Amino acid sequence: MHGRAVRRMLLSVALGLFARPGWGEEPRSLRVVSLAPSTTEILFALGLDREIVGVSRLCQYPPRAVSKPKIGDFSNPSLERILSLKPDYVFCTGIEQARVAEKLKQLGCPVVVSSPENFGELFDSITGIGRRVGREREAAELIAGMKAKIDRVSDRSRSRGEGVRPRVFVEIWHSPLMTAGNGSFIDELITLAGGQNVAGDIGKAYGNISPEQVIRRDPEVIVLTYMEGKGSVDPVKKRWGWSAVSAVRNGRVYGDIDPALLLIPGPRLADGLIELQKRIAP
């Protein structure tokens, strides 16, 4: 090789080295912002903490999320605040944040939308997020742990037999009555836990149902997702006509499951499934 060619090659190598991120300084760490409690829980479960530079006010779990810088409300975050954090990725959820996601994309911000509607889609979402943030192994381990819990619950449900499936009504809100139908995570959780959803035919994943319909369908178990801990279930028992409902008559109205375990499509849904089965098939 001629001397001039050798010099050009060495110069290009040197320039390439000096142009690399981190030459002479610490490499810039990944920076992510999460607008949804579900994606925040996934990111923390994958082992990210320092990399999370901003979350919405609705992100309360794990406890470390509470101390993270806030970028505003779940439905109306501050675009200026998000952009000022210089994120490599902004993680958000579906329809509720579609407008914000579109605006961020227009501003050149990399947006990742996670909006799973069942466990299969949730696993795909975790895998995709893990790939984005360089935590593929952690994502696989997280999914394996969730599947192990789900399998244990499913095995217990099968051991009881298909003919022993209590009728279950999950009340998401009380005024007006709101519940979950076919195509929702709640419906899948009820089925896996060994019950049958009395609202499975309402025609949508989440919607309203009349008190008369609930009475007519006579659930054997009622689970309230807006009450937690020691919340009283007495108002449900005192509703007109509900004293004849099997769940009320037999004292099987529950308001003691952390709502986040049933409503946030993240890693803790598997724990919510375990808790739900304890109420459905004690």
Protein backbone atom coordinates (compact mmCIF):
# COMPACT_ATOMS: atom_id res chain seq x y z
CA MET A 1 0.00 0.00 0.00
CA HIS A 2 1.36 3.46 -0.91
CA GLY A 3 2.36 5.83 1.87
CA ARG A 4 -0.36 8.34 0.98
CA ALA A 5 -3.05 5.64 1.10
CA VAL A 6 -1.78 4.45 4.48
CA ARG A 7 -1.94 8.00 5.88
CA ARG A 8 -5.51 8.44 4.59
CA MET A 9 -6.56 5.16 6.19
CA LEU A 10 -5.02 6.08 9.55
CA LEU A 11 -6.62 9.52 9.44
CA SER A 12 -10.06 8.07 8.76
CA VAL A 13 -9.69 5.58 11.63
CA ALA A 14 -8.64 8.36 14.00
CA LEU A 15 -11.52 10.60 12.97
CA GLY A 16 -13.90 7.70 13.40
CA LEU A 17 -12.67 7.07 16.91
CA PHE A 18 -12.94 10.73 17.93
CA ALA A 19 -16.46 10.87 16.45
CA ARG A 20 -17.69 7.96 18.53
CA PRO A 21 -20.01 8.84 21.43
CA GLY A 22 -18.13 8.55 24.66
CA TRP A 23 -14.61 9.22 23.30
CA GLY A 24 -12.88 10.97 26.17
CA GLU A 25 -16.08 11.07 28.26
CA GLU A 26 -18.72 8.84 29.77
CA PRO A 27 -21.19 7.45 27.19
CA ARG A 28 -24.58 9.14 27.32
CA SER A 29 -27.04 6.84 29.06
CA LEU A 30 -30.46 6.04 27.66
CA ARG A 31 -33.16 8.57 28.52
CA VAL A 32 -36.82 7.54 28.52
CA VAL A 33 -40.08 9.22 29.47
CA SER A 34 -43.20 7.25 30.34
CA LEU A 35 -46.66 8.80 30.12
CA ALA A 36 -48.65 5.76 31.30
CA PRO A 37 -48.63 3.76 34.56
CA SER A 38 -48.51 0.52 32.54
CA THR A 39 -45.34 1.40 30.62
CA THR A 40 -43.76 2.86 33.74
CA GLU A 41 -44.29 -0.43 35.58
CA ILE A 42 -42.87 -2.38 32.63
CA LEU A 43 -39.76 -0.18 32.41
CA PHE A 44 -39.05 -0.49 36.13
CA ALA A 45 -39.65 -4.24 35.99
CA LEU A 46 -37.02 -4.45 33.25
CA GLY A 47 -34.48 -2.89 35.61
CA LEU A 48 -34.55 0.69 34.39
CA ASP A 49 -34.44 3.44 36.97
CA ARG A 50 -31.72 5.96 36.22
CA GLU A 51 -32.79 5.86 32.56
CA ILE A 52 -36.34 7.00 33.39
CA VAL A 53 -36.15 10.79 33.38
CA GLY A 54 -39.85 11.66 33.49
CA VAL A 55 -43.28 10.19 34.19
CA SER A 56 -46.88 11.41 34.37
CA ARG A 57 -48.53 12.25 37.69
CA LEU A 58 -50.62 9.08 37.44
CA CYS A 59 -47.51 6.88 37.64
CA GLN A 60 -47.41 5.75 41.27
CA TYR A 61 -45.76 2.33 41.13
CA PRO A 62 -43.19 1.24 42.03
CA PRO A 63 -42.57 3.75 44.84
CA ARG A 64 -39.49 5.05 43.00
CA ALA A 65 -41.79 6.32 40.25
CA VAL A 66 -43.31 8.85 42.64
CA SER A 67 -40.00 10.70 42.99
CA LYS A 68 -39.35 10.91 39.25
CA PRO A 69 -39.74 14.31 37.53
CA LYS A 70 -43.36 14.87 36.47
CA ILE A 71 -44.28 15.88 32.93
CA GLY A 72 -47.93 16.64 33.67
CA ASP A 73 -51.23 14.82 33.64
CA PHE A 74 -51.94 11.47 32.01
CA SER A 75 -54.26 12.97 29.35
CA ASN A 76 -52.61 16.37 29.04
CA PRO A 77 -48.85 16.19 29.60
CA SER A 78 -46.58 19.13 28.90
CA LEU A 79 -44.97 18.72 25.48
CA GLU A 80 -42.42 21.39 26.35
CA ARG A 81 -41.42 19.56 29.51
CA ILE A 82 -41.11 16.24 27.65
CA LEU A 83 -38.91 17.73 24.92
CA SER A 84 -36.74 19.53 27.48
CA LEU A 85 -35.83 16.13 28.96
CA LYS A 86 -34.31 15.07 25.58
CA PRO A 87 -35.73 11.53 25.69
CA ASP A 88 -34.54 8.76 23.39
CA TYR A 89 -38.02 7.26 23.67
CA VAL A 90 -41.40 8.34 24.98
CA PHE A 91 -43.59 5.42 26.02
CA CYS A 92 -47.36 5.85 26.13
CA THR A 93 -50.63 3.99 25.77
CA GLY A 94 -53.36 3.86 23.12
CA ILE A 95 -56.52 5.85 22.48
CA GLU A 96 -56.32 8.07 25.56
CA GLN A 97 -52.91 9.39 24.56
CA ALA A 98 -53.17 9.16 20.77
CA ARG A 99 -53.36 12.94 20.30
CA VAL A 100 -50.29 13.58 22.45
CA ALA A 101 -48.39 10.76 20.73
CA GLU A 102 -49.12 12.21 17.31
CA LYS A 103 -47.95 15.68 18.34
CA LEU A 104 -44.73 14.27 19.75
CA LYS A 105 -44.09 12.36 16.53
CA GLN A 106 -44.61 15.55 14.53
CA LEU A 107 -42.03 17.24 16.72
CA GLY A 108 -39.55 14.47 15.91
CA CYS A 109 -39.74 12.66 19.23
CA PRO A 110 -39.48 8.83 19.07
CA VAL A 111 -42.78 7.50 20.48
CA VAL A 112 -43.54 3.89 21.42
CA VAL A 113 -47.22 3.04 21.95
CA SER A 114 -48.14 0.08 24.15
CA SER A 115 -51.85 -0.74 24.22
CA PRO A 116 -52.31 -4.48 24.82
CA GLU A 117 -55.80 -5.95 25.17
CA ASN A 118 -54.86 -9.44 26.38
CA PHE A 119 -51.95 -11.31 27.90
CA GLY A 120 -50.57 -12.36 24.51
CA GLU A 121 -50.37 -8.74 23.38
CA LEU A 122 -48.93 -7.71 26.74
CA PHE A 123 -46.11 -10.24 26.34
CA ASP A 124 -45.43 -8.91 22.83
CA SER A 125 -45.37 -5.38 24.21
CA ILE A 126 -42.91 -6.27 26.97
CA THR A 127 -40.69 -8.01 24.42
CA GLY A 128 -40.80 -4.97 22.12
CA ILE A 129 -40.04 -2.53 24.92
CA GLY A 130 -37.19 -4.74 26.14
CA ARG A 131 -35.70 -4.73 22.66
CA ARG A 132 -35.92 -0.94 22.43
CA VAL A 133 -34.16 -0.31 25.73
CA GLY A 134 -31.61 -3.09 25.42
CA ARG A 135 -33.16 -5.37 28.05
CA GLU A 136 -34.16 -8.41 25.98
CA ARG A 137 -32.98 -10.90 28.59
CA GLU A 138 -34.81 -9.11 31.40
CA ALA A 139 -37.97 -8.98 29.27
CA ALA A 140 -37.81 -12.73 28.65
CA GLU A 141 -37.33 -13.41 32.36
CA LEU A 142 -40.21 -11.10 33.28
CA ILE A 143 -42.55 -12.83 30.84
CA ALA A 144 -41.46 -16.27 32.05
CA GLY A 145 -42.26 -15.29 35.65
CA MET A 146 -45.69 -13.97 34.65
CA LYS A 147 -46.47 -17.10 32.64
CA ALA A 148 -45.51 -19.32 35.58
CA LYS A 149 -48.06 -17.53 37.79
CA ILE A 150 -50.74 -17.71 35.09
CA ASP A 151 -50.10 -21.42 34.55
CA ARG A 152 -50.48 -22.16 38.26
CA VAL A 153 -53.82 -20.37 38.35
CA SER A 154 -55.01 -22.05 35.13
CA ASP A 155 -54.02 -25.50 36.42
CA ARG A 156 -55.99 -24.90 39.60
CA SER A 157 -59.02 -23.75 37.61
CA ARG A 158 -58.89 -26.83 35.38
CA SER A 159 -58.60 -29.11 38.40
CA ARG A 160 -61.96 -27.79 39.62
CA GLY A 161 -63.63 -28.78 36.36
CA GLU A 162 -65.45 -26.77 33.72
CA GLY A 163 -68.79 -27.35 35.40
CA VAL A 164 -67.73 -25.40 38.48
CA ARG A 165 -67.38 -21.85 37.19
CA PRO A 166 -68.96 -19.25 39.50
CA ARG A 167 -70.77 -16.34 37.85
CA VAL A 168 -68.66 -13.20 38.40
CA PHE A 169 -69.52 -9.52 38.09
CA VAL A 170 -66.64 -7.01 38.16
CA GLU A 171 -67.83 -3.51 38.93
CA ILE A 172 -65.40 -0.89 37.64
CA TRP A 173 -67.54 2.06 38.68
CA HIS A 174 -70.87 2.50 40.45
CA SER A 175 -72.57 5.60 39.00
CA PRO A 176 -73.45 4.67 36.37
CA LEU A 177 -72.60 0.99 36.68
CA MET A 178 -69.59 0.19 34.52
CA THR A 179 -68.16 -3.25 33.90
CA ALA A 180 -65.97 -5.24 31.49
CA GLY A 181 -67.11 -7.42 28.63
CA ASN A 182 -65.58 -9.78 26.13
CA GLY A 183 -62.24 -8.61 24.74
CA SER A 184 -61.11 -6.98 27.98
CA PHE A 185 -58.32 -7.96 30.34
CA ILE A 186 -60.95 -8.33 33.08
CA ASP A 187 -62.85 -10.90 31.03
CA GLU A 188 -59.65 -12.87 30.43
CA LEU A 189 -58.71 -12.70 34.11
CA ILE A 190 -62.13 -13.99 35.18
CA THR A 191 -61.90 -16.92 32.75
CA LEU A 192 -58.35 -17.84 33.76
CA ALA A 193 -59.30 -17.60 37.44
CA GLY A 194 -62.05 -20.17 36.91
CA GLY A 195 -65.13 -17.95 36.71
CA GLN A 196 -67.58 -16.87 34.03
CA ASN A 197 -68.14 -13.20 33.34
CA VAL A 198 -71.84 -12.34 33.63
CA ALA A 199 -71.18 -9.27 31.46
CA GLY A 200 -69.28 -11.11 28.77
CA ASP A 201 -71.98 -10.35 26.20
CA ILE A 202 -72.33 -6.56 26.61
CA GLY A 203 -70.81 -6.06 23.16
CA LYS A 204 -67.74 -4.05 24.12
CA ALA A 205 -64.60 -4.40 26.20
CA TYR A 206 -65.80 -1.82 28.74
CA GLY A 207 -69.26 -0.35 29.06
CA ASN A 208 -72.31 0.34 31.16
CA ILE A 209 -74.78 -2.18 32.47
CA SER A 210 -78.06 -1.60 34.30
CA PRO A 211 -78.65 -2.73 37.90
CA GLU A 212 -81.61 -4.77 36.64
CA GLN A 213 -79.33 -6.70 34.29
CA VAL A 214 -76.97 -7.53 37.14
CA ILE A 215 -79.85 -8.73 39.32
CA ARG A 216 -81.18 -10.86 36.48
CA ARG A 217 -77.79 -12.44 35.82
CA ASP A 218 -77.39 -13.19 39.54
CA PRO A 219 -73.59 -13.17 40.01
CA GLU A 220 -72.22 -15.44 42.70
CA VAL A 221 -69.15 -13.23 43.16
CA ILE A 222 -68.93 -9.43 42.89
CA VAL A 223 -65.56 -7.67 42.76
CA LEU A 224 -65.29 -3.88 43.03
CA THR A 225 -62.23 -2.36 41.37
CA TYR A 226 -62.65 1.18 42.70
CA MET A 227 -62.31 0.24 46.36
CA GLU A 228 -59.15 -0.90 48.08
CA GLY A 229 -58.11 -2.21 51.46
CA LYS A 230 -60.84 -1.71 54.04
CA GLY A 231 -63.34 -0.06 51.70
CA SER A 232 -66.89 -0.84 52.77
CA VAL A 233 -69.07 -2.94 50.46
CA ASP A 234 -72.23 -2.02 52.38
CA PRO A 235 -73.55 0.39 49.71
CA VAL A 236 -73.66 -2.50 47.23
CA LYS A 237 -75.58 -4.68 49.65
CA LYS A 238 -78.13 -1.90 50.25
CA ARG A 239 -79.03 -1.35 46.60
CA TRP A 240 -82.66 -1.87 45.80
CA GLY A 241 -83.27 -5.47 44.76
CA TRP A 242 -79.69 -6.60 45.25
CA SER A 243 -80.40 -8.47 48.47
CA ALA A 244 -81.62 -11.32 46.25
CA VAL A 245 -78.33 -11.51 44.34
CA SER A 246 -76.36 -14.63 45.29
CA ALA A 247 -73.10 -12.75 45.91
CA VAL A 248 -74.81 -10.35 48.32
CA ARG A 249 -76.84 -13.05 49.99
CA ASN A 250 -73.76 -15.22 50.61
CA GLY A 251 -71.36 -12.43 51.59
CA ARG A 252 -69.19 -12.67 48.50
CA VAL A 253 -68.85 -9.01 47.58
CA TYR A 254 -65.19 -7.99 47.60
CA GLY A 255 -63.60 -4.56 47.58
CA ASP A 256 -60.18 -5.51 48.92
CA ILE A 257 -58.11 -6.06 45.76
CA ASP A 258 -55.74 -3.26 44.76
CA PRO A 259 -57.47 -1.87 41.62
CA ALA A 260 -54.11 -1.45 39.89
CA LEU A 261 -53.65 -5.24 39.91
CA LEU A 262 -56.72 -5.64 37.71
CA LEU A 263 -56.82 -2.45 35.63
CA ILE A 264 -53.23 -1.55 34.71
CA PRO A 265 -51.99 -3.71 31.79
CA GLY A 266 -48.54 -4.34 33.19
CA PRO A 267 -46.51 -7.06 34.93
CA ARG A 268 -48.68 -7.02 38.07
CA LEU A 269 -51.72 -8.34 36.20
CA ALA A 270 -50.44 -11.84 36.95
CA ASP A 271 -50.60 -10.98 40.67
CA GLY A 272 -54.10 -9.59 40.14
CA LEU A 273 -55.08 -12.91 38.61
CA ILE A 274 -53.90 -14.74 41.72
CA GLU A 275 -55.89 -12.39 43.97
CA LEU A 276 -58.98 -12.71 41.80
CA GLN A 277 -58.89 -16.49 41.96
CA LYS A 278 -58.73 -16.32 45.77
CA ARG A 279 -62.13 -14.58 45.70
CA ILE A 280 -63.67 -16.64 42.92
CA ALA A 281 -62.48 -20.08 44.02
CA PRO A 282 -61.35 -19.90 47.65
